[in-house]
Each structure stands twice: as structure tokens, then as C-alpha cells.
Amino acid sequence: MSVINLQEKFKLFSDHWSPKKVGELNGQQILLAKLKGEFVFHKHDNEDELFMVVKGSLDIELRDKTVTLNKGEFYIVPKGVEHKPIAKKEVHIMLFEPLSIKHTGDIIADITVETYESI
């Protein structure tokens, strides 16, 4: 394992909604993603999902409220909770998720990623 510089890793890709794997530990994966626009409402029946904003601002729409995250803040979406990330402008995030998680949870969409690229 070597030191991971987040800014250098973010420079390696430009696509949105396609997380890149930068590490694994204890059955968890650490992903980086650039987001812009709206995702799809989805849920993960068996896994919690941590969203941490590295750059920008992210809204996470839930069925009963919207959570806004700014740089340096994170939010854990509990398993089974429907959510839809929304990025009005490009945002850079770090995700902590179990290795078993599916990108769009219980939904298959055009933006679904089956296997995360490691960078």
C-alpha cells in the first residue's frame, strides 16, 4: 500500500457517476467519483453507504427530506433507505461501501456500473 493523494486521483478521470476504486479495507471499498446532474432513486437492502464531499456541494434526496453536504462533510445513508444524489454543479466525492454493494442498488439503469475500475 502506498500513500493516496485524492487530488491526483481525481485528475485521472473526467466521467460522471462512474466511481473509481482507490482502496479496500476490512471488506469495504473506498471509491472516488465525480457527479453532475441527477442520479436515480435507489436503495441498498443490506448495506449502509457513506458519502463524503471532497469538493463542491451535494444534495441527497430522500423520500421525506433532502440532506445537503458541503466540502468536508459526510452522510451515511442507512441500508434500505431510498436515496437520489443530486449535483447541481460538478462535485467530487469519496464513498465508503461494502465490497458487496451494487452501484444502483435494486435498480438497473443506463448509468449502472457493474465493476468499478481501480485507479
N, C-alpha and C. Protein backbone atom coordinates (compact mmCIF):
# COMPACT_ATOMS: atom_id res chain seq x y z
N MET A 1 0.85 -1.18 0.00
CA MET A 1 0.00 0.00 0.00
C MET A 1 0.89 1.23 0.00
N SER A 2 0.45 2.24 -0.72
CA SER A 2 1.19 3.49 -0.75
C SER A 2 0.25 4.63 -0.39
N VAL A 3 0.82 5.80 -0.22
CA VAL A 3 0.03 6.99 0.11
C VAL A 3 -0.86 7.33 -1.09
N ILE A 4 -2.11 7.63 -0.83
CA ILE A 4 -3.06 8.00 -1.88
C ILE A 4 -3.32 9.50 -1.78
N ASN A 5 -3.07 10.22 -2.87
CA ASN A 5 -3.36 11.64 -2.94
C ASN A 5 -4.67 11.81 -3.70
N LEU A 6 -5.70 12.26 -2.99
CA LEU A 6 -7.03 12.36 -3.61
C LEU A 6 -7.05 13.28 -4.82
N GLN A 7 -6.39 14.42 -4.73
CA GLN A 7 -6.40 15.37 -5.85
C GLN A 7 -5.76 14.76 -7.10
N GLU A 8 -4.67 14.01 -6.91
CA GLU A 8 -4.03 13.35 -8.06
C GLU A 8 -4.95 12.31 -8.67
N LYS A 9 -5.64 11.56 -7.83
CA LYS A 9 -6.56 10.53 -8.33
C LYS A 9 -7.73 11.16 -9.09
N PHE A 10 -8.28 12.26 -8.58
CA PHE A 10 -9.39 12.91 -9.27
C PHE A 10 -8.98 13.43 -10.64
N LYS A 11 -7.71 13.75 -10.83
CA LYS A 11 -7.22 14.24 -12.13
C LYS A 11 -7.17 13.12 -13.19
N LEU A 12 -7.25 11.87 -12.75
CA LEU A 12 -7.12 10.74 -13.67
C LEU A 12 -8.40 10.40 -14.43
N PHE A 13 -9.53 11.01 -14.08
CA PHE A 13 -10.77 10.69 -14.78
C PHE A 13 -11.68 11.91 -14.85
N SER A 14 -12.59 11.88 -15.83
CA SER A 14 -13.50 13.01 -16.01
C SER A 14 -14.96 12.59 -16.09
N ASP A 15 -15.23 11.29 -16.19
CA ASP A 15 -16.60 10.83 -16.34
C ASP A 15 -17.39 10.98 -15.04
N HIS A 16 -18.68 11.20 -15.19
CA HIS A 16 -19.56 11.38 -14.04
C HIS A 16 -20.31 10.08 -13.74
N TRP A 17 -20.62 9.89 -12.46
CA TRP A 17 -21.44 8.77 -11.98
C TRP A 17 -20.78 7.41 -12.19
N SER A 18 -19.46 7.39 -12.31
CA SER A 18 -18.74 6.13 -12.52
C SER A 18 -17.62 6.03 -11.49
N PRO A 19 -17.93 5.57 -10.28
CA PRO A 19 -16.94 5.52 -9.20
C PRO A 19 -15.68 4.73 -9.57
N LYS A 20 -14.56 5.19 -9.05
CA LYS A 20 -13.27 4.53 -9.26
C LYS A 20 -12.76 4.04 -7.90
N LYS A 21 -12.30 2.81 -7.86
CA LYS A 21 -11.81 2.22 -6.61
C LYS A 21 -10.37 2.66 -6.35
N VAL A 22 -10.13 3.19 -5.14
CA VAL A 22 -8.77 3.60 -4.77
C VAL A 22 -8.24 2.81 -3.58
N GLY A 23 -9.06 1.97 -2.99
CA GLY A 23 -8.57 1.17 -1.87
C GLY A 23 -9.63 0.22 -1.33
N GLU A 24 -9.16 -0.75 -0.54
CA GLU A 24 -10.03 -1.70 0.14
C GLU A 24 -9.50 -1.92 1.55
N LEU A 25 -10.41 -2.10 2.49
CA LEU A 25 -10.02 -2.47 3.84
C LEU A 25 -11.18 -3.13 4.55
N ASN A 26 -10.91 -4.21 5.23
CA ASN A 26 -11.90 -4.89 6.07
C ASN A 26 -13.25 -5.10 5.39
N GLY A 27 -13.23 -5.55 4.15
CA GLY A 27 -14.47 -5.82 3.44
C GLY A 27 -15.16 -4.57 2.90
N GLN A 28 -14.49 -3.44 2.98
CA GLN A 28 -15.02 -2.17 2.48
C GLN A 28 -14.17 -1.71 1.30
N GLN A 29 -14.80 -0.93 0.43
CA GLN A 29 -14.05 -0.32 -0.66
C GLN A 29 -14.15 1.19 -0.54
N ILE A 30 -13.09 1.86 -0.95
CA ILE A 30 -13.05 3.31 -0.96
C ILE A 30 -13.09 3.72 -2.42
N LEU A 31 -14.11 4.50 -2.76
CA LEU A 31 -14.34 4.91 -4.13
C LEU A 31 -14.29 6.42 -4.25
N LEU A 32 -13.83 6.90 -5.39
CA LEU A 32 -13.89 8.32 -5.72
C LEU A 32 -14.81 8.47 -6.92
N ALA A 33 -15.59 9.54 -6.94
CA ALA A 33 -16.49 9.77 -8.07
C ALA A 33 -16.68 11.26 -8.29
N LYS A 34 -16.91 11.60 -9.54
CA LYS A 34 -17.32 12.94 -9.92
C LYS A 34 -18.79 12.85 -10.30
N LEU A 35 -19.58 13.74 -9.76
CA LEU A 35 -21.01 13.72 -10.00
C LEU A 35 -21.46 15.05 -10.59
N LYS A 36 -22.42 14.97 -11.49
CA LYS A 36 -23.03 16.19 -12.03
C LYS A 36 -24.40 15.81 -12.57
N GLY A 37 -25.43 16.55 -12.14
CA GLY A 37 -26.79 16.24 -12.54
C GLY A 37 -27.47 15.37 -11.49
N GLU A 38 -28.47 14.61 -11.92
CA GLU A 38 -29.23 13.77 -11.01
C GLU A 38 -28.97 12.30 -11.28
N PHE A 39 -28.90 11.54 -10.21
CA PHE A 39 -28.78 10.08 -10.28
C PHE A 39 -30.19 9.52 -10.33
N VAL A 40 -30.39 8.29 -9.94
CA VAL A 40 -31.71 7.68 -9.87
C VAL A 40 -32.02 7.34 -8.42
N PHE A 41 -33.29 7.36 -8.06
CA PHE A 41 -33.68 6.87 -6.74
C PHE A 41 -33.36 5.38 -6.68
N HIS A 42 -32.69 4.96 -5.63
CA HIS A 42 -32.36 3.55 -5.45
C HIS A 42 -32.11 3.30 -3.97
N LYS A 43 -31.94 2.03 -3.61
CA LYS A 43 -31.61 1.68 -2.23
C LYS A 43 -30.72 0.45 -2.25
N HIS A 44 -30.07 0.25 -1.14
CA HIS A 44 -29.23 -0.93 -0.94
C HIS A 44 -29.81 -1.66 0.26
N ASP A 45 -30.41 -2.81 0.02
CA ASP A 45 -31.14 -3.52 1.07
C ASP A 45 -30.26 -3.97 2.24
N ASN A 46 -28.99 -4.27 1.97
CA ASN A 46 -28.14 -4.86 3.01
C ASN A 46 -26.91 -4.05 3.38
N GLU A 47 -26.73 -2.89 2.78
CA GLU A 47 -25.50 -2.13 3.02
C GLU A 47 -25.79 -0.66 3.31
N ASP A 48 -25.07 -0.10 4.29
CA ASP A 48 -25.04 1.34 4.50
C ASP A 48 -24.08 1.92 3.47
N GLU A 49 -24.22 3.22 3.19
CA GLU A 49 -23.36 3.87 2.20
C GLU A 49 -22.95 5.25 2.72
N LEU A 50 -21.64 5.51 2.77
CA LEU A 50 -21.13 6.78 3.26
C LEU A 50 -20.73 7.66 2.07
N PHE A 51 -21.29 8.86 2.01
CA PHE A 51 -20.94 9.87 1.02
C PHE A 51 -20.15 10.97 1.72
N MET A 52 -18.93 11.26 1.26
CA MET A 52 -18.13 12.36 1.80
C MET A 52 -17.77 13.31 0.66
N VAL A 53 -18.09 14.58 0.85
CA VAL A 53 -17.81 15.57 -0.19
C VAL A 53 -16.37 16.08 -0.04
N VAL A 54 -15.61 15.95 -1.13
CA VAL A 54 -14.23 16.42 -1.18
C VAL A 54 -14.17 17.81 -1.82
N LYS A 55 -15.07 18.05 -2.79
CA LYS A 55 -15.12 19.35 -3.48
C LYS A 55 -16.55 19.59 -3.93
N GLY A 56 -17.05 20.78 -3.67
CA GLY A 56 -18.39 21.15 -4.12
C GLY A 56 -19.46 20.92 -3.07
N SER A 57 -20.69 20.74 -3.56
CA SER A 57 -21.86 20.57 -2.69
C SER A 57 -22.76 19.50 -3.30
N LEU A 58 -23.28 18.62 -2.48
CA LEU A 58 -24.11 17.51 -2.93
C LEU A 58 -25.41 17.47 -2.15
N ASP A 59 -26.52 17.33 -2.87
CA ASP A 59 -27.81 17.08 -2.23
C ASP A 59 -28.08 15.59 -2.33
N ILE A 60 -28.55 15.01 -1.24
CA ILE A 60 -29.01 13.63 -1.25
C ILE A 60 -30.49 13.68 -0.93
N GLU A 61 -31.29 13.42 -1.95
CA GLU A 61 -32.74 13.46 -1.78
C GLU A 61 -33.20 12.13 -1.22
N LEU A 62 -33.92 12.19 -0.12
CA LEU A 62 -34.55 11.03 0.49
C LEU A 62 -36.05 11.18 0.24
N ARG A 63 -36.84 10.21 0.56
CA ARG A 63 -38.28 10.30 0.30
C ARG A 63 -38.95 11.35 1.19
N ASP A 64 -38.37 11.64 2.36
CA ASP A 64 -39.01 12.58 3.29
C ASP A 64 -38.24 13.87 3.54
N LYS A 65 -37.02 13.99 2.98
CA LYS A 65 -36.23 15.20 3.17
C LYS A 65 -35.05 15.19 2.20
N THR A 66 -34.36 16.32 2.14
CA THR A 66 -33.13 16.42 1.36
C THR A 66 -32.00 16.82 2.31
N VAL A 67 -30.89 16.10 2.21
CA VAL A 67 -29.70 16.38 3.01
C VAL A 67 -28.69 17.06 2.10
N THR A 68 -28.15 18.21 2.52
CA THR A 68 -27.13 18.92 1.74
C THR A 68 -25.78 18.75 2.42
N LEU A 69 -24.81 18.33 1.63
CA LEU A 69 -23.44 18.14 2.12
C LEU A 69 -22.51 19.11 1.41
N ASN A 70 -21.64 19.73 2.19
CA ASN A 70 -20.63 20.63 1.65
C ASN A 70 -19.25 20.01 1.85
N LYS A 71 -18.24 20.63 1.26
CA LYS A 71 -16.86 20.14 1.34
C LYS A 71 -16.50 19.81 2.79
N GLY A 72 -15.96 18.61 2.97
CA GLY A 72 -15.51 18.18 4.30
C GLY A 72 -16.60 17.53 5.14
N GLU A 73 -17.82 17.39 4.60
CA GLU A 73 -18.92 16.79 5.35
C GLU A 73 -19.27 15.43 4.76
N PHE A 74 -19.80 14.54 5.62
CA PHE A 74 -20.27 13.26 5.12
C PHE A 74 -21.60 12.90 5.73
N TYR A 75 -22.27 11.96 5.06
CA TYR A 75 -23.58 11.48 5.49
C TYR A 75 -23.64 9.99 5.20
N ILE A 76 -24.20 9.24 6.13
CA ILE A 76 -24.36 7.81 5.94
C ILE A 76 -25.82 7.53 5.62
N VAL A 77 -26.06 6.95 4.45
CA VAL A 77 -27.39 6.52 4.08
C VAL A 77 -27.56 5.11 4.62
N PRO A 78 -28.50 4.92 5.55
CA PRO A 78 -28.70 3.58 6.12
C PRO A 78 -29.22 2.58 5.09
N LYS A 79 -28.89 1.32 5.28
CA LYS A 79 -29.39 0.29 4.37
C LYS A 79 -30.91 0.34 4.30
N GLY A 80 -31.41 0.09 3.10
CA GLY A 80 -32.85 0.06 2.88
C GLY A 80 -33.49 1.41 2.64
N VAL A 81 -32.75 2.51 2.76
CA VAL A 81 -33.32 3.85 2.58
C VAL A 81 -33.14 4.30 1.13
N GLU A 82 -34.25 4.64 0.47
CA GLU A 82 -34.17 5.14 -0.89
C GLU A 82 -33.52 6.52 -0.90
N HIS A 83 -32.63 6.72 -1.86
CA HIS A 83 -31.92 8.00 -1.96
C HIS A 83 -31.56 8.28 -3.41
N LYS A 84 -31.39 9.60 -3.69
CA LYS A 84 -31.02 10.05 -5.03
C LYS A 84 -30.04 11.21 -4.88
N PRO A 85 -28.77 10.98 -5.19
CA PRO A 85 -27.80 12.08 -5.18
C PRO A 85 -28.07 13.06 -6.32
N ILE A 86 -27.91 14.35 -6.01
CA ILE A 86 -28.10 15.41 -6.99
C ILE A 86 -26.94 16.40 -6.86
N ALA A 87 -26.26 16.65 -7.98
CA ALA A 87 -25.15 17.61 -8.01
C ALA A 87 -25.48 18.70 -9.02
N LYS A 88 -25.84 19.88 -8.53
CA LYS A 88 -26.20 20.98 -9.42
C LYS A 88 -24.99 21.44 -10.25
N LYS A 89 -23.81 21.39 -9.64
CA LYS A 89 -22.54 21.64 -10.30
C LYS A 89 -21.66 20.42 -10.01
N GLU A 90 -20.59 20.25 -10.76
CA GLU A 90 -19.73 19.09 -10.53
C GLU A 90 -19.26 19.04 -9.08
N VAL A 91 -19.35 17.87 -8.49
CA VAL A 91 -18.91 17.64 -7.13
C VAL A 91 -18.01 16.40 -7.12
N HIS A 92 -17.01 16.43 -6.25
CA HIS A 92 -16.11 15.29 -6.08
C HIS A 92 -16.43 14.65 -4.74
N ILE A 93 -16.64 13.34 -4.75
CA ILE A 93 -16.97 12.65 -3.50
C ILE A 93 -16.10 11.42 -3.28
N MET A 94 -16.04 11.01 -2.02
CA MET A 94 -15.45 9.76 -1.63
C MET A 94 -16.57 8.93 -1.03
N LEU A 95 -16.63 7.66 -1.42
CA LEU A 95 -17.63 6.74 -0.91
C LEU A 95 -16.95 5.61 -0.16
N PHE A 96 -17.54 5.22 0.97
CA PHE A 96 -17.10 4.03 1.70
C PHE A 96 -18.27 3.06 1.64
N GLU A 97 -18.04 1.90 1.05
CA GLU A 97 -19.11 0.94 0.85
C GLU A 97 -18.58 -0.49 1.01
N PRO A 98 -19.45 -1.41 1.43
CA PRO A 98 -19.05 -2.82 1.44
C PRO A 98 -18.74 -3.29 0.02
N LEU A 99 -17.85 -4.26 -0.09
CA LEU A 99 -17.50 -4.79 -1.40
C LEU A 99 -18.71 -5.39 -2.12
N SER A 100 -19.71 -5.81 -1.37
CA SER A 100 -20.88 -6.47 -1.95
C SER A 100 -21.90 -5.51 -2.57
N ILE A 101 -21.74 -4.22 -2.36
CA ILE A 101 -22.77 -3.26 -2.79
C ILE A 101 -22.86 -3.19 -4.31
N LYS A 102 -24.08 -2.97 -4.80
CA LYS A 102 -24.30 -2.77 -6.23
C LYS A 102 -24.49 -1.28 -6.47
N HIS A 103 -23.89 -0.78 -7.54
CA HIS A 103 -23.84 0.64 -7.85
C HIS A 103 -25.19 1.34 -7.73
N THR A 104 -26.21 0.83 -8.40
CA THR A 104 -27.53 1.43 -8.35
C THR A 104 -28.50 0.59 -7.53
N GLY A 105 -27.95 -0.20 -6.61
CA GLY A 105 -28.78 -0.97 -5.70
C GLY A 105 -29.76 -1.88 -6.39
N ASP A 106 -31.04 -1.68 -6.12
CA ASP A 106 -32.10 -2.53 -6.63
C ASP A 106 -32.60 -2.09 -8.01
N ILE A 107 -31.97 -1.09 -8.61
CA ILE A 107 -32.40 -0.53 -9.90
C ILE A 107 -31.31 -0.79 -10.95
N ILE A 108 -31.72 -1.16 -12.15
CA ILE A 108 -30.80 -1.25 -13.28
C ILE A 108 -31.12 -0.07 -14.19
N ALA A 109 -30.10 0.75 -14.46
CA ALA A 109 -30.29 1.95 -15.28
C ALA A 109 -29.14 2.06 -16.27
N ASP A 110 -29.27 3.00 -17.21
CA ASP A 110 -28.21 3.22 -18.20
C ASP A 110 -26.88 3.57 -17.54
N ILE A 111 -26.94 4.17 -16.37
CA ILE A 111 -25.72 4.61 -15.69
C ILE A 111 -25.14 3.57 -14.74
N THR A 112 -25.77 2.40 -14.64
CA THR A 112 -25.31 1.36 -13.73
C THR A 112 -23.92 0.89 -14.13
N VAL A 113 -23.02 0.82 -13.15
CA VAL A 113 -21.67 0.30 -13.35
C VAL A 113 -21.60 -1.05 -12.65
N GLU A 114 -21.23 -2.09 -13.40
CA GLU A 114 -21.17 -3.45 -12.85
C GLU A 114 -19.90 -3.68 -12.04
N THR A 115 -18.76 -3.22 -12.57
CA THR A 115 -17.46 -3.41 -11.92
C THR A 115 -16.73 -2.08 -11.87
N TYR A 116 -16.26 -1.72 -10.68
CA TYR A 116 -15.55 -0.45 -10.52
C TYR A 116 -14.11 -0.58 -11.00
N GLU A 117 -13.68 0.39 -11.80
CA GLU A 117 -12.31 0.47 -12.26
C GLU A 117 -11.42 0.90 -11.10
N SER A 118 -10.27 0.24 -10.96
CA SER A 118 -9.29 0.65 -9.94
C SER A 118 -8.33 1.64 -10.55
N ILE A 119 -8.06 2.72 -9.80
CA ILE A 119 -7.08 3.71 -10.29
C ILE A 119 -6.04 3.95 -9.22
